[in-house]
Structures are given as structure tokens and as C-alpha cells.
Amino acid sequence: MNKDRWVKTHTIENIFEMDMIKDVLEKEGIEYRIKEYKDTAYDGLFVLQKGYAGLFVQEKDKELAQSIVTRLRSLPYVVFSKD
């Protein structure tokens, strides 16, 4: 196992999920890379097929990152409104 090898851990569905995942990974001290699949030339046409983005972490952090993503995805989204 190469600890510096980056592996795809998760396909992010939308920008809100991306922000939550980034926040938790930063707090846990896990390095990550996000490759967004949106393409300005096609106005996001392929986002429905590929997902919003791919989450990549170092191989040594893969299991921890996957457990974090699983935990986050099990939480309900809460929306606050001033109305």
C-alpha cells in the first residue's frame, strides 16, 4: 500500500454535500482533493451522469474518509428559513 497514492473515495452529489464533507475532513486533518465534473461549455450537462464531483483522499485515509461520508449521508438535511 502506497500512503501517498490518491484514491477515489466517493462521488459527491451536489455542492451542499461537498461543503459538508470538506468541513468535516478539514476538522479531522484529512487531506483531500475534489474534482468537479461541471463543465461550463456544457452548462453542467454531465453532472446528472457523473455526479457533482469526485472525492479523492490518500490511500491511508480511505477507510476513515468513507466512514465520515457514510455518517454525513445518514444525517437529515436541515434547512433554516426566516419565514
N, C-alpha and C. Protein backbone atom coordinates (compact mmCIF):
# COMPACT_ATOMS: atom_id res chain seq x y z
N MET A 1 0.84 -1.18 0.00
CA MET A 1 0.00 0.00 0.00
C MET A 1 0.89 1.24 0.00
N ASN A 2 0.64 2.13 -0.92
CA ASN A 2 1.39 3.37 -1.04
C ASN A 2 0.62 4.48 -0.34
N LYS A 3 1.17 5.02 0.75
CA LYS A 3 0.43 6.00 1.54
C LYS A 3 0.22 7.32 0.81
N ASP A 4 1.01 7.61 -0.23
CA ASP A 4 0.87 8.86 -0.96
C ASP A 4 -0.03 8.72 -2.18
N ARG A 5 -0.58 7.56 -2.39
CA ARG A 5 -1.45 7.34 -3.55
C ARG A 5 -2.84 7.90 -3.26
N TRP A 6 -3.38 8.68 -4.20
CA TRP A 6 -4.71 9.25 -4.05
C TRP A 6 -5.73 8.29 -4.65
N VAL A 7 -6.79 8.01 -3.90
CA VAL A 7 -7.83 7.09 -4.36
C VAL A 7 -9.19 7.78 -4.28
N LYS A 8 -10.06 7.42 -5.23
CA LYS A 8 -11.40 7.98 -5.22
C LYS A 8 -12.20 7.29 -4.13
N THR A 9 -12.78 8.09 -3.28
CA THR A 9 -13.50 7.58 -2.13
C THR A 9 -15.01 7.68 -2.27
N HIS A 10 -15.46 8.72 -2.98
CA HIS A 10 -16.90 8.98 -3.01
C HIS A 10 -17.24 9.86 -4.20
N THR A 11 -18.45 9.70 -4.73
CA THR A 11 -18.99 10.60 -5.75
C THR A 11 -19.95 11.55 -5.05
N ILE A 12 -19.63 12.82 -5.08
CA ILE A 12 -20.42 13.85 -4.40
C ILE A 12 -21.59 14.23 -5.29
N GLU A 13 -22.78 14.31 -4.69
CA GLU A 13 -23.99 14.57 -5.47
C GLU A 13 -24.25 16.04 -5.76
N ASN A 14 -23.90 16.93 -4.82
CA ASN A 14 -24.19 18.35 -5.02
C ASN A 14 -23.24 19.21 -4.20
N ILE A 15 -23.33 20.51 -4.42
CA ILE A 15 -22.41 21.44 -3.77
C ILE A 15 -22.61 21.47 -2.26
N PHE A 16 -23.82 21.24 -1.78
CA PHE A 16 -24.08 21.26 -0.35
C PHE A 16 -23.40 20.08 0.35
N GLU A 17 -23.50 18.91 -0.27
CA GLU A 17 -22.81 17.74 0.27
C GLU A 17 -21.30 17.96 0.25
N MET A 18 -20.80 18.59 -0.81
CA MET A 18 -19.38 18.86 -0.92
C MET A 18 -18.91 19.76 0.22
N ASP A 19 -19.67 20.80 0.53
CA ASP A 19 -19.29 21.71 1.61
C ASP A 19 -19.26 21.01 2.96
N MET A 20 -20.24 20.15 3.22
CA MET A 20 -20.27 19.42 4.49
C MET A 20 -19.08 18.47 4.61
N ILE A 21 -18.79 17.75 3.54
CA ILE A 21 -17.67 16.81 3.56
C ILE A 21 -16.35 17.54 3.74
N LYS A 22 -16.16 18.62 3.01
CA LYS A 22 -14.92 19.40 3.14
C LYS A 22 -14.73 19.89 4.56
N ASP A 23 -15.79 20.38 5.18
CA ASP A 23 -15.71 20.91 6.54
C ASP A 23 -15.25 19.84 7.53
N VAL A 24 -15.85 18.65 7.45
CA VAL A 24 -15.50 17.58 8.38
C VAL A 24 -14.09 17.06 8.13
N LEU A 25 -13.72 16.88 6.86
CA LEU A 25 -12.37 16.38 6.56
C LEU A 25 -11.30 17.35 7.03
N GLU A 26 -11.55 18.66 6.87
CA GLU A 26 -10.59 19.65 7.35
C GLU A 26 -10.47 19.61 8.86
N LYS A 27 -11.59 19.46 9.57
CA LYS A 27 -11.56 19.38 11.03
C LYS A 27 -10.85 18.12 11.51
N GLU A 28 -10.93 17.04 10.74
CA GLU A 28 -10.26 15.79 11.09
C GLU A 28 -8.80 15.77 10.65
N GLY A 29 -8.38 16.77 9.89
CA GLY A 29 -6.99 16.83 9.42
C GLY A 29 -6.69 15.88 8.28
N ILE A 30 -7.69 15.52 7.51
CA ILE A 30 -7.51 14.60 6.38
C ILE A 30 -7.33 15.41 5.11
N GLU A 31 -6.23 15.15 4.42
CA GLU A 31 -6.00 15.82 3.14
C GLU A 31 -6.95 15.23 2.10
N TYR A 32 -7.45 16.08 1.23
CA TYR A 32 -8.38 15.61 0.20
C TYR A 32 -8.22 16.44 -1.06
N ARG A 33 -8.73 15.91 -2.14
CA ARG A 33 -8.81 16.62 -3.42
C ARG A 33 -10.22 16.41 -3.94
N ILE A 34 -10.78 17.43 -4.55
CA ILE A 34 -12.10 17.32 -5.14
C ILE A 34 -12.00 17.68 -6.61
N LYS A 35 -12.49 16.79 -7.44
CA LYS A 35 -12.52 17.03 -8.89
C LYS A 35 -13.97 17.26 -9.29
N GLU A 36 -14.28 18.51 -9.62
CA GLU A 36 -15.65 18.84 -10.02
C GLU A 36 -15.87 18.41 -11.46
N TYR A 37 -17.05 17.88 -11.73
CA TYR A 37 -17.38 17.40 -13.06
C TYR A 37 -18.18 18.40 -13.88
N LYS A 38 -18.50 19.55 -13.27
CA LYS A 38 -19.26 20.53 -14.04
C LYS A 38 -18.37 21.09 -15.15
N ASP A 39 -18.98 21.37 -16.26
CA ASP A 39 -18.25 21.87 -17.42
C ASP A 39 -19.00 23.08 -17.95
N THR A 40 -18.34 24.22 -17.95
CA THR A 40 -19.02 25.44 -18.38
C THR A 40 -19.45 25.37 -19.84
N ALA A 41 -18.72 24.65 -20.65
CA ALA A 41 -19.08 24.56 -22.07
C ALA A 41 -20.42 23.86 -22.26
N TYR A 42 -20.74 22.93 -21.36
CA TYR A 42 -21.99 22.17 -21.49
C TYR A 42 -22.98 22.51 -20.38
N ASP A 43 -22.71 23.56 -19.61
CA ASP A 43 -23.61 24.06 -18.57
C ASP A 43 -24.06 22.96 -17.60
N GLY A 44 -23.12 22.15 -17.15
CA GLY A 44 -23.43 21.12 -16.16
C GLY A 44 -24.21 19.92 -16.68
N LEU A 45 -24.22 19.73 -17.97
CA LEU A 45 -24.98 18.65 -18.59
C LEU A 45 -24.60 17.27 -18.04
N PHE A 46 -23.32 17.06 -17.75
CA PHE A 46 -22.86 15.73 -17.34
C PHE A 46 -22.92 15.50 -15.83
N VAL A 47 -23.33 16.51 -15.06
CA VAL A 47 -23.42 16.35 -13.62
C VAL A 47 -24.43 15.26 -13.26
N LEU A 48 -25.51 15.17 -14.00
CA LEU A 48 -26.51 14.13 -13.71
C LEU A 48 -25.97 12.73 -13.96
N GLN A 49 -25.03 12.59 -14.88
CA GLN A 49 -24.47 11.28 -15.19
C GLN A 49 -23.30 10.92 -14.30
N LYS A 50 -22.42 11.88 -14.03
CA LYS A 50 -21.20 11.60 -13.28
C LYS A 50 -21.29 11.96 -11.80
N GLY A 51 -22.26 12.77 -11.42
CA GLY A 51 -22.31 13.33 -10.09
C GLY A 51 -21.68 14.71 -10.13
N TYR A 52 -21.76 15.43 -9.02
CA TYR A 52 -21.23 16.79 -8.99
C TYR A 52 -19.71 16.80 -8.99
N ALA A 53 -19.12 15.89 -8.21
CA ALA A 53 -17.66 15.87 -8.09
C ALA A 53 -17.20 14.52 -7.54
N GLY A 54 -15.90 14.28 -7.67
CA GLY A 54 -15.29 13.09 -7.08
C GLY A 54 -14.43 13.49 -5.90
N LEU A 55 -14.49 12.73 -4.83
CA LEU A 55 -13.69 12.98 -3.64
C LEU A 55 -12.52 12.01 -3.62
N PHE A 56 -11.32 12.54 -3.54
CA PHE A 56 -10.11 11.73 -3.50
C PHE A 56 -9.37 12.01 -2.20
N VAL A 57 -8.90 10.95 -1.55
CA VAL A 57 -8.08 11.06 -0.35
C VAL A 57 -6.87 10.16 -0.51
N GLN A 58 -5.89 10.34 0.37
CA GLN A 58 -4.73 9.46 0.33
C GLN A 58 -5.18 8.07 0.77
N GLU A 59 -4.53 7.08 0.21
CA GLU A 59 -4.94 5.69 0.46
C GLU A 59 -4.97 5.36 1.95
N LYS A 60 -4.06 5.91 2.71
CA LYS A 60 -4.01 5.62 4.15
C LYS A 60 -5.22 6.17 4.90
N ASP A 61 -5.91 7.16 4.33
CA ASP A 61 -7.07 7.78 4.98
C ASP A 61 -8.40 7.31 4.39
N LYS A 62 -8.37 6.37 3.47
CA LYS A 62 -9.57 5.97 2.74
C LYS A 62 -10.68 5.47 3.66
N GLU A 63 -10.37 4.55 4.55
CA GLU A 63 -11.41 3.97 5.41
C GLU A 63 -12.03 5.01 6.32
N LEU A 64 -11.21 5.88 6.90
CA LEU A 64 -11.72 6.93 7.77
C LEU A 64 -12.60 7.90 6.99
N ALA A 65 -12.16 8.29 5.81
CA ALA A 65 -12.94 9.21 4.98
C ALA A 65 -14.27 8.57 4.58
N GLN A 66 -14.26 7.29 4.23
CA GLN A 66 -15.50 6.61 3.87
C GLN A 66 -16.47 6.56 5.04
N SER A 67 -15.96 6.32 6.24
CA SER A 67 -16.85 6.28 7.41
C SER A 67 -17.42 7.66 7.70
N ILE A 68 -16.64 8.71 7.48
CA ILE A 68 -17.13 10.07 7.67
C ILE A 68 -18.24 10.38 6.67
N VAL A 69 -18.02 10.03 5.42
CA VAL A 69 -19.02 10.28 4.38
C VAL A 69 -20.30 9.50 4.67
N THR A 70 -20.17 8.25 5.08
CA THR A 70 -21.34 7.44 5.42
C THR A 70 -22.13 8.06 6.56
N ARG A 71 -21.41 8.53 7.57
CA ARG A 71 -22.07 9.17 8.71
C ARG A 71 -22.80 10.44 8.27
N LEU A 72 -22.13 11.27 7.46
CA LEU A 72 -22.75 12.51 6.99
C LEU A 72 -23.98 12.24 6.13
N ARG A 73 -23.90 11.25 5.28
CA ARG A 73 -25.03 10.95 4.38
C ARG A 73 -26.23 10.38 5.14
N SER A 74 -26.00 9.87 6.34
CA SER A 74 -27.11 9.33 7.13
C SER A 74 -27.86 10.43 7.89
N LEU A 75 -27.26 11.62 7.97
CA LEU A 75 -27.90 12.73 8.67
C LEU A 75 -28.94 13.40 7.77
N PRO A 76 -30.04 13.85 8.35
CA PRO A 76 -31.02 14.58 7.53
C PRO A 76 -30.53 15.99 7.25
N TYR A 77 -30.88 16.50 6.08
CA TYR A 77 -30.57 17.90 5.78
C TYR A 77 -31.53 18.78 6.56
N VAL A 78 -30.99 19.82 7.17
CA VAL A 78 -31.83 20.75 7.92
C VAL A 78 -31.72 22.10 7.24
N VAL A 79 -32.86 22.67 6.91
CA VAL A 79 -32.89 23.97 6.25
C VAL A 79 -33.58 24.95 7.17
N PHE A 80 -32.92 26.07 7.43
CA PHE A 80 -33.50 27.10 8.27
C PHE A 80 -34.02 28.21 7.38
N SER A 81 -35.18 28.69 7.71
CA SER A 81 -35.79 29.77 6.94
C SER A 81 -36.22 30.88 7.88
N LYS A 82 -36.12 32.10 7.42
CA LYS A 82 -36.57 33.24 8.24
C LYS A 82 -38.07 33.44 8.13
N ASP A 83 -38.72 32.73 7.23
CA ASP A 83 -40.18 32.88 7.05
C ASP A 83 -40.96 32.19 8.13
